[in-house]
Amino acid sequence: MRIQVAILVVAKAPVAGQAKTRLQAAMSGADAARLAAAALLDTLDAVARTPVAKRVVALTGDLGHAECGAEIRSALAEFDVIAQRGSDFAHRLANAHADCGALTGLPTLQIGMDTPQVDAELLSAGAQLLCESDAVLGMATDGGWWALGVRDPLSAQALIGVPMSTDTTGAETLAALRSSGARVVALPELADVDVPDDVSRVCAVARADGHFRRVVAEVAPTLIMEVGN
C-alpha cells in the first residue's frame, strides 16, 4: 500500500560552472557538475523506490546543457515535473510546496539533491511520520536541513524570511515552523554535499553501487578517505 504523501525533490540542472561551485576548490567546474548530477540521479532513484502516492520534482535550469542531462531526463519520466518560481531560494521552496500541494492534494515531504545517501527505507519512515504530525524536519550536520515535510502547504510559508545556506538555517527553520503553530517531529540528521570535505563523509555512507560513489572515484579519488565495499 502506498503512503499517502508526495515526495518533492527540489533540484537544479547540473550545469558546469553553475552547480556545486564550492566544490571547485578541489575539482573542475565540469567535474563538480558531474558530481551534482550523480547525487541527483541517486536521489531520484531512492525516491522512485519509495512507496508513496506521488513523486514530484521542482526543477530549475536547462537540462539541455547539464552534465548527464539525457540520463536525468530519462529518470524524470517517473515524476511529475514543475518549474521553480520565486525571487530567492526561500520563496522558491515555499512556492514549490504550494505548487506540489495544489498538484497532488497530499502532505509533502521535500528533499534536495545534496544527500545521495538517502534510501527508500529512510524516506518511507519520514513519510509515515508526516502522516502522524504537522511537520517533519531533518537537520543537516552543517547547520542547515536536508528534509522538510508539511501536511499543509501553507506551513512552508514559514520559510520566507529564514536565511538560507547558513549554519543557523536549520534552527531558524525549526523556530519558524513552531512559531506558526506546527508540531514538528525530527528526522535523522544527515551530512549533505556542499564543500570538498563533505564528499568523503557522504561517500562513506552512499550506496556502493550508486552513481555518487562511482563518480567520486573517477573525478576526485583523493577525497575518499576509507570507504568500505
C-alpha atoms as a PDB file:
ATOM      1  CA  MET A   1       0.000   0.000   0.000  1.00  0.00           C
ATOM      2  CA  ARG A   2       1.314   3.421  -0.925  1.00  0.00           C
ATOM      3  CA  ILE A   3       1.869   6.028   1.753  1.00  0.00           C
ATOM      4  CA  GLN A   4      -0.470   8.963   1.096  1.00  0.00           C
ATOM      5  CA  VAL A   5       2.315  11.502   0.844  1.00  0.00           C
ATOM      6  CA  ALA A   6       4.023  13.263  -2.064  1.00  0.00           C
ATOM      7  CA  ILE A   7       7.807  13.362  -2.104  1.00  0.00           C
ATOM      8  CA  LEU A   8       9.093  16.591  -3.641  1.00  0.00           C
ATOM      9  CA  VAL A   9      12.676  16.891  -4.881  1.00  0.00           C
ATOM     10  CA  VAL A  10      13.901  20.465  -5.332  1.00  0.00           C
ATOM     11  CA  ALA A  11      16.624  20.278  -7.972  1.00  0.00           C
ATOM     12  CA  LYS A  12      18.881  22.412 -10.142  1.00  0.00           C
ATOM     13  CA  ALA A  13      20.139  21.278 -13.530  1.00  0.00           C
ATOM     14  CA  PRO A  14      23.816  20.344 -13.001  1.00  0.00           C
ATOM     15  CA  VAL A  15      25.388  22.730 -15.499  1.00  0.00           C
ATOM     16  CA  ALA A  16      29.164  23.171 -15.333  1.00  0.00           C
ATOM     17  CA  GLY A  17      30.096  26.421 -13.607  1.00  0.00           C
ATOM     18  CA  GLN A  18      26.612  26.776 -12.081  1.00  0.00           C
ATOM     19  CA  ALA A  19      26.259  23.660  -9.922  1.00  0.00           C
ATOM     20  CA  LYS A  20      28.202  22.895  -6.733  1.00  0.00           C
ATOM     21  CA  THR A  21      30.566  25.807  -7.273  1.00  0.00           C
ATOM     22  CA  ARG A  22      32.078  25.414  -3.794  1.00  0.00           C
ATOM     23  CA  LEU A  23      33.426  22.003  -4.837  1.00  0.00           C
ATOM     24  CA  GLN A  24      35.581  23.717  -7.435  1.00  0.00           C
ATOM     25  CA  ALA A  25      38.251  24.240  -4.782  1.00  0.00           C
ATOM     26  CA  ALA A  26      39.063  20.560  -5.363  1.00  0.00           C
ATOM     27  CA  MET A  27      37.931  19.856  -8.929  1.00  0.00           C
ATOM     28  CA  SER A  28      36.911  21.459 -12.213  1.00  0.00           C
ATOM     29  CA  GLY A  29      33.513  23.025 -12.791  1.00  0.00           C
ATOM     30  CA  ALA A  30      32.590  20.174 -15.117  1.00  0.00           C
ATOM     31  CA  ASP A  31      33.561  17.552 -12.546  1.00  0.00           C
ATOM     32  CA  ALA A  32      31.636  19.383  -9.797  1.00  0.00           C
ATOM     33  CA  ALA A  33      28.584  19.338 -12.063  1.00  0.00           C
ATOM     34  CA  ARG A  34      29.114  15.623 -12.738  1.00  0.00           C
ATOM     35  CA  LEU A  35      29.113  15.029  -9.001  1.00  0.00           C
ATOM     36  CA  ALA A  36      25.919  17.055  -8.653  1.00  0.00           C
ATOM     37  CA  ALA A  37      24.336  15.011 -11.442  1.00  0.00           C
ATOM     38  CA  ALA A  38      25.355  11.775  -9.723  1.00  0.00           C
ATOM     39  CA  ALA A  39      23.842  12.957  -6.440  1.00  0.00           C
ATOM     40  CA  LEU A  40      20.615  13.899  -8.202  1.00  0.00           C
ATOM     41  CA  LEU A  41      20.383  10.562 -10.010  1.00  0.00           C
ATOM     42  CA  ASP A  42      20.852   8.605  -6.773  1.00  0.00           C
ATOM     43  CA  THR A  43      18.244  10.813  -5.078  1.00  0.00           C
ATOM     44  CA  LEU A  44      15.731  10.269  -7.870  1.00  0.00           C
ATOM     45  CA  ASP A  45      16.371   6.523  -7.730  1.00  0.00           C
ATOM     46  CA  ALA A  46      15.753   6.431  -3.973  1.00  0.00           C
ATOM     47  CA  VAL A  47      12.512   8.377  -4.351  1.00  0.00           C
ATOM     48  CA  ALA A  48      11.355   6.163  -7.224  1.00  0.00           C
ATOM     49  CA  ARG A  49      11.805   3.132  -4.933  1.00  0.00           C
ATOM     50  CA  THR A  50       9.778   4.705  -2.102  1.00  0.00           C
ATOM     51  CA  PRO A  51       6.120   3.552  -1.925  1.00  0.00           C
ATOM     52  CA  VAL A  52       4.438   6.964  -1.836  1.00  0.00           C
ATOM     53  CA  ALA A  53       1.377   8.162  -3.701  1.00  0.00           C
ATOM     54  CA  LYS A  54       3.111  10.886  -5.754  1.00  0.00           C
ATOM     55  CA  ARG A  55       6.626  11.880  -6.763  1.00  0.00           C
ATOM     56  CA  VAL A  56       7.326  15.439  -7.888  1.00  0.00           C
ATOM     57  CA  VAL A  57      10.441  17.362  -8.929  1.00  0.00           C
ATOM     58  CA  ALA A  58      10.613  21.161  -8.793  1.00  0.00           C
ATOM     59  CA  LEU A  59      13.321  21.927 -11.329  1.00  0.00           C
ATOM     60  CA  THR A  60      15.277  24.992 -12.334  1.00  0.00           C
ATOM     61  CA  GLY A  61      17.912  25.270 -15.059  1.00  0.00           C
ATOM     62  CA  ASP A  62      18.451  23.823 -18.514  1.00  0.00           C
ATOM     63  CA  LEU A  63      18.927  20.068 -18.719  1.00  0.00           C
ATOM     64  CA  GLY A  64      19.995  20.531 -22.320  1.00  0.00           C
ATOM     65  CA  HIS A  65      23.283  21.971 -21.076  1.00  0.00           C
ATOM     66  CA  ALA A  66      23.591  19.810 -17.958  1.00  0.00           C
ATOM     67  CA  GLU A  67      26.006  17.016 -17.200  1.00  0.00           C
ATOM     68  CA  CYS A  68      24.186  13.664 -17.671  1.00  0.00           C
ATOM     69  CA  GLY A  69      21.192  15.634 -18.954  1.00  0.00           C
ATOM     70  CA  ALA A  70      19.764  12.783 -21.017  1.00  0.00           C
ATOM     71  CA  GLU A  71      20.056  10.331 -18.126  1.00  0.00           C
ATOM     72  CA  ILE A  72      18.405  12.779 -15.742  1.00  0.00           C
ATOM     73  CA  ARG A  73      15.608  13.441 -18.239  1.00  0.00           C
ATOM     74  CA  SER A  74      15.016   9.685 -18.505  1.00  0.00           C
ATOM     75  CA  ALA A  75      14.842   9.339 -14.711  1.00  0.00           C
ATOM     76  CA  LEU A  76      12.343  12.196 -14.548  1.00  0.00           C
ATOM     77  CA  ALA A  77       9.863  10.126 -16.549  1.00  0.00           C
ATOM     78  CA  GLU A  78       8.864   8.602 -13.179  1.00  0.00           C
ATOM     79  CA  PHE A  79       7.997  12.052 -11.764  1.00  0.00           C
ATOM     80  CA  ASP A  80       5.673  14.986 -12.223  1.00  0.00           C
ATOM     81  CA  VAL A  81       7.955  17.934 -13.037  1.00  0.00           C
ATOM     82  CA  ILE A  82       7.094  21.503 -12.093  1.00  0.00           C
ATOM     83  CA  ALA A  83       9.131  24.677 -12.529  1.00  0.00           C
ATOM     84  CA  GLN A  84      10.597  26.515  -9.589  1.00  0.00           C
ATOM     85  CA  ARG A  85       9.397  30.074  -9.166  1.00  0.00           C
ATOM     86  CA  GLY A  86      10.324  32.859  -6.806  1.00  0.00           C
ATOM     87  CA  SER A  87      12.790  35.699  -6.290  1.00  0.00           C
ATOM     88  CA  ASP A  88      15.070  33.836  -3.862  1.00  0.00           C
ATOM     89  CA  PHE A  89      15.624  30.323  -2.560  1.00  0.00           C
ATOM     90  CA  ALA A  90      13.266  30.646   0.403  1.00  0.00           C
ATOM     91  CA  HIS A  91      10.439  31.809  -1.872  1.00  0.00           C
ATOM     92  CA  ARG A  92      11.205  29.041  -4.375  1.00  0.00           C
ATOM     93  CA  LEU A  93      10.979  26.430  -1.615  1.00  0.00           C
ATOM     94  CA  ALA A  94       7.711  27.824  -0.257  1.00  0.00           C
ATOM     95  CA  ASN A  95       6.247  28.049  -3.764  1.00  0.00           C
ATOM     96  CA  ALA A  96       7.364  24.506  -4.582  1.00  0.00           C
ATOM     97  CA  HIS A  97       5.442  23.240  -1.555  1.00  0.00           C
ATOM     98  CA  ALA A  98       2.388  25.253  -2.607  1.00  0.00           C
ATOM     99  CA  ASP A  99       2.551  24.009  -6.192  1.00  0.00           C
ATOM    100  CA  CYS A 100       3.123  20.399  -5.137  1.00  0.00           C
ATOM    101  CA  GLY A 101       0.201  20.614  -2.734  1.00  0.00           C
ATOM    102  CA  ALA A 102      -2.047  22.058  -5.440  1.00  0.00           C
ATOM    103  CA  LEU A 103      -0.971  19.321  -7.861  1.00  0.00           C
ATOM    104  CA  THR A 104      -1.282  16.350  -5.527  1.00  0.00           C
ATOM    105  CA  GLY A 105      -3.557  17.371  -2.649  1.00  0.00           C
ATOM    106  CA  LEU A 106      -1.233  15.442  -0.330  1.00  0.00           C
ATOM    107  CA  PRO A 107       1.154  16.175   2.536  1.00  0.00           C
ATOM    108  CA  THR A 108       4.578  16.896   1.045  1.00  0.00           C
ATOM    109  CA  LEU A 109       7.979  15.591   2.119  1.00  0.00           C
ATOM    110  CA  GLN A 110      10.595  17.759   0.407  1.00  0.00           C
ATOM    111  CA  ILE A 111      14.276  16.967  -0.050  1.00  0.00           C
ATOM    112  CA  GLY A 112      17.084  18.425  -2.128  1.00  0.00           C
ATOM    113  CA  MET A 113      19.715  16.795  -4.328  1.00  0.00           C
ATOM    114  CA  ASP A 114      22.620  17.034  -1.858  1.00  0.00           C
ATOM    115  CA  THR A 115      22.057  13.810   0.119  1.00  0.00           C
ATOM    116  CA  PRO A 116      22.661  10.898  -2.289  1.00  0.00           C
ATOM    117  CA  GLN A 117      22.868   8.538   0.699  1.00  0.00           C
ATOM    118  CA  VAL A 118      19.095   8.661   1.255  1.00  0.00           C
ATOM    119  CA  ASP A 119      17.269   5.425   0.594  1.00  0.00           C
ATOM    120  CA  ALA A 120      13.706   4.218   0.325  1.00  0.00           C
ATOM    121  CA  GLU A 121      13.646   2.990   3.922  1.00  0.00           C
ATOM    122  CA  LEU A 122      14.598   6.402   5.311  1.00  0.00           C
ATOM    123  CA  LEU A 123      12.186   8.248   3.028  1.00  0.00           C
ATOM    124  CA  SER A 124       9.356   5.829   3.831  1.00  0.00           C
ATOM    125  CA  ALA A 125       9.908   6.362   7.555  1.00  0.00           C
ATOM    126  CA  GLY A 126       9.839  10.129   7.057  1.00  0.00           C
ATOM    127  CA  ALA A 127       6.658   9.920   5.019  1.00  0.00           C
ATOM    128  CA  GLN A 128       4.981   7.776   7.686  1.00  0.00           C
ATOM    129  CA  LEU A 129       5.950  10.267  10.401  1.00  0.00           C
ATOM    130  CA  LEU A 130       4.486  13.083   8.330  1.00  0.00           C
ATOM    131  CA  CYS A 131       1.157  11.252   8.235  1.00  0.00           C
ATOM    132  CA  GLU A 132       1.098  11.488  12.039  1.00  0.00           C
ATOM    133  CA  SER A 133       2.350  15.041  12.609  1.00  0.00           C
ATOM    134  CA  ASP A 134       2.078  18.616  11.338  1.00  0.00           C
ATOM    135  CA  ALA A 135       5.644  18.747  10.062  1.00  0.00           C
ATOM    136  CA  VAL A 136       8.915  16.839   9.987  1.00  0.00           C
ATOM    137  CA  LEU A 137      12.401  18.323   9.731  1.00  0.00           C
ATOM    138  CA  GLY A 138      15.719  16.611   9.079  1.00  0.00           C
ATOM    139  CA  MET A 139      18.691  18.648  10.205  1.00  0.00           C
ATOM    140  CA  ALA A 140      21.990  18.646   8.301  1.00  0.00           C
ATOM    141  CA  THR A 141      25.341  18.419  10.045  1.00  0.00           C
ATOM    142  CA  ASP A 142      26.377  21.839   8.700  1.00  0.00           C
ATOM    143  CA  GLY A 143      23.510  23.596  10.478  1.00  0.00           C
ATOM    144  CA  GLY A 144      21.071  23.539   7.585  1.00  0.00           C
ATOM    145  CA  TRP A 145      18.385  20.963   6.862  1.00  0.00           C
ATOM    146  CA  TRP A 146      18.048  18.196   4.288  1.00  0.00           C
ATOM    147  CA  ALA A 147      14.332  17.388   4.523  1.00  0.00           C
ATOM    148  CA  LEU A 148      11.155  19.282   5.336  1.00  0.00           C
ATOM    149  CA  GLY A 149       7.717  17.739   5.390  1.00  0.00           C
ATOM    150  CA  VAL A 150       4.450  19.598   5.933  1.00  0.00           C
ATOM    151  CA  ARG A 151       0.884  18.366   5.979  1.00  0.00           C
ATOM    152  CA  ASP A 152      -0.436  21.802   4.993  1.00  0.00           C
ATOM    153  CA  PRO A 153       1.490  23.540   2.186  1.00  0.00           C
ATOM    154  CA  LEU A 154       0.805  26.884   3.832  1.00  0.00           C
ATOM    155  CA  SER A 155       3.109  25.809   6.655  1.00  0.00           C
ATOM    156  CA  ALA A 156       6.039  26.129   4.260  1.00  0.00           C
ATOM    157  CA  GLN A 157       5.406  29.873   4.080  1.00  0.00           C
ATOM    158  CA  ALA A 158       7.290  29.942   7.384  1.00  0.00           C
ATOM    159  CA  LEU A 159      10.458  29.558   5.300  1.00  0.00           C
ATOM    160  CA  ILE A 160      10.094  33.059   3.894  1.00  0.00           C
ATOM    161  CA  GLY A 161      12.400  35.271   5.891  1.00  0.00           C
ATOM    162  CA  VAL A 162      14.614  32.422   7.090  1.00  0.00           C
ATOM    163  CA  PRO A 163      18.208  32.975   5.870  1.00  0.00           C
ATOM    164  CA  MET A 164      19.180  30.045   3.665  1.00  0.00           C
ATOM    165  CA  SER A 165      22.566  28.307   3.403  1.00  0.00           C
ATOM    166  CA  THR A 166      23.853  29.420   6.800  1.00  0.00           C
ATOM    167  CA  ASP A 167      24.910  27.442   9.865  1.00  0.00           C
ATOM    168  CA  THR A 168      21.701  28.535  11.624  1.00  0.00           C
ATOM    169  CA  THR A 169      19.223  27.780   8.825  1.00  0.00           C
ATOM    170  CA  GLY A 170      18.045  24.550  10.454  1.00  0.00           C
ATOM    171  CA  ALA A 171      17.484  26.077  13.871  1.00  0.00           C
ATOM    172  CA  GLU A 172      15.750  29.127  12.398  1.00  0.00           C
ATOM    173  CA  THR A 173      13.524  26.939  10.224  1.00  0.00           C
ATOM    174  CA  LEU A 174      12.528  24.869  13.252  1.00  0.00           C
ATOM    175  CA  ALA A 175      11.747  28.025  15.227  1.00  0.00           C
ATOM    176  CA  ALA A 176       9.704  29.463  12.356  1.00  0.00           C
ATOM    177  CA  LEU A 177       7.663  26.282  11.982  1.00  0.00           C
ATOM    178  CA  ARG A 178       6.970  26.134  15.705  1.00  0.00           C
ATOM    179  CA  SER A 179       6.021  29.823  15.755  1.00  0.00           C
ATOM    180  CA  SER A 180       3.427  29.065  13.075  1.00  0.00           C
ATOM    181  CA  GLY A 181       1.880  26.506  15.439  1.00  0.00           C
ATOM    182  CA  ALA A 182       3.197  23.372  13.756  1.00  0.00           C
ATOM    183  CA  ARG A 183       4.116  20.311  15.813  1.00  0.00           C
ATOM    184  CA  VAL A 184       7.478  19.307  14.353  1.00  0.00           C
ATOM    185  CA  VAL A 185       8.972  15.799  14.535  1.00  0.00           C
ATOM    186  CA  ALA A 186      12.701  15.328  13.934  1.00  0.00           C
ATOM    187  CA  LEU A 187      14.115  13.113  11.196  1.00  0.00           C
ATOM    188  CA  PRO A 188      17.656  11.691  11.414  1.00  0.00           C
ATOM    189  CA  GLU A 189      20.481  14.165  10.910  1.00  0.00           C
ATOM    190  CA  LEU A 190      22.429  13.740   7.655  1.00  0.00           C
ATOM    191  CA  ALA A 191      25.510  15.245   6.058  1.00  0.00           C
ATOM    192  CA  ASP A 192      24.958  16.931   2.719  1.00  0.00           C
ATOM    193  CA  VAL A 193      27.413  17.694  -0.070  1.00  0.00           C
ATOM    194  CA  ASP A 194      28.379  21.349  -0.316  1.00  0.00           C
ATOM    195  CA  VAL A 195      32.168  21.610   0.071  1.00  0.00           C
ATOM    196  CA  PRO A 196      35.058  19.209  -0.646  1.00  0.00           C
ATOM    197  CA  ASP A 197      35.283  17.984   2.945  1.00  0.00           C
ATOM    198  CA  ASP A 198      31.689  16.727   2.678  1.00  0.00           C
ATOM    199  CA  VAL A 199      32.441  14.373  -0.195  1.00  0.00           C
ATOM    200  CA  SER A 200      34.269  11.642   1.715  1.00  0.00           C
ATOM    201  CA  ARG A 201      31.779  11.820   4.601  1.00  0.00           C
ATOM    202  CA  VAL A 202      28.809  11.272   2.305  1.00  0.00           C
ATOM    203  CA  CYS A 203      30.614   8.809   0.065  1.00  0.00           C
ATOM    204  CA  ALA A 204      31.249   6.560   3.073  1.00  0.00           C
ATOM    205  CA  VAL A 205      27.504   6.039   3.592  1.00  0.00           C
ATOM    206  CA  ALA A 206      26.266   6.285   0.000  1.00  0.00           C
ATOM    207  CA  ARG A 207      25.191   3.236  -1.988  1.00  0.00           C
ATOM    208  CA  ALA A 208      28.144   1.118  -3.054  1.00  0.00           C
ATOM    209  CA  ASP A 209      26.576   0.664  -6.495  1.00  0.00           C
ATOM    210  CA  GLY A 210      25.295   4.233  -6.805  1.00  0.00           C
ATOM    211  CA  HIS A 211      26.223   6.990  -9.207  1.00  0.00           C
ATOM    212  CA  PHE A 212      27.777   9.169  -6.496  1.00  0.00           C
ATOM    213  CA  ARG A 213      30.409   6.702  -5.297  1.00  0.00           C
ATOM    214  CA  ARG A 214      31.369   5.850  -8.879  1.00  0.00           C
ATOM    215  CA  VAL A 215      31.753   9.467  -9.978  1.00  0.00           C
ATOM    216  CA  VAL A 216      33.748  10.421  -6.862  1.00  0.00           C
ATOM    217  CA  ALA A 217      36.159   7.587  -7.654  1.00  0.00           C
ATOM    218  CA  GLU A 218      36.503   8.945 -11.186  1.00  0.00           C
ATOM    219  CA  VAL A 219      36.816  12.687 -10.593  1.00  0.00           C
ATOM    220  CA  ALA A 220      38.121  13.074  -7.041  1.00  0.00           C
ATOM    221  CA  PRO A 221      39.575   9.822  -5.668  1.00  0.00           C
ATOM    222  CA  THR A 222      41.782  11.735  -3.235  1.00  0.00           C
ATOM    223  CA  LEU A 223      38.652  12.983  -1.441  1.00  0.00           C
ATOM    224  CA  ILE A 224      37.755   9.428  -0.454  1.00  0.00           C
ATOM    225  CA  MET A 225      39.263   8.598   2.932  1.00  0.00           C
ATOM    226  CA  GLU A 226      38.291   4.993   3.656  1.00  0.00           C
ATOM    227  CA  VAL A 227      35.111   3.796   2.011  1.00  0.00           C
ATOM    228  CA  GLY A 228      34.042   0.232   2.667  1.00  0.00           C
ATOM    229  CA  ASN A 229      32.896  -2.068  -0.099  1.00  0.00           C
END
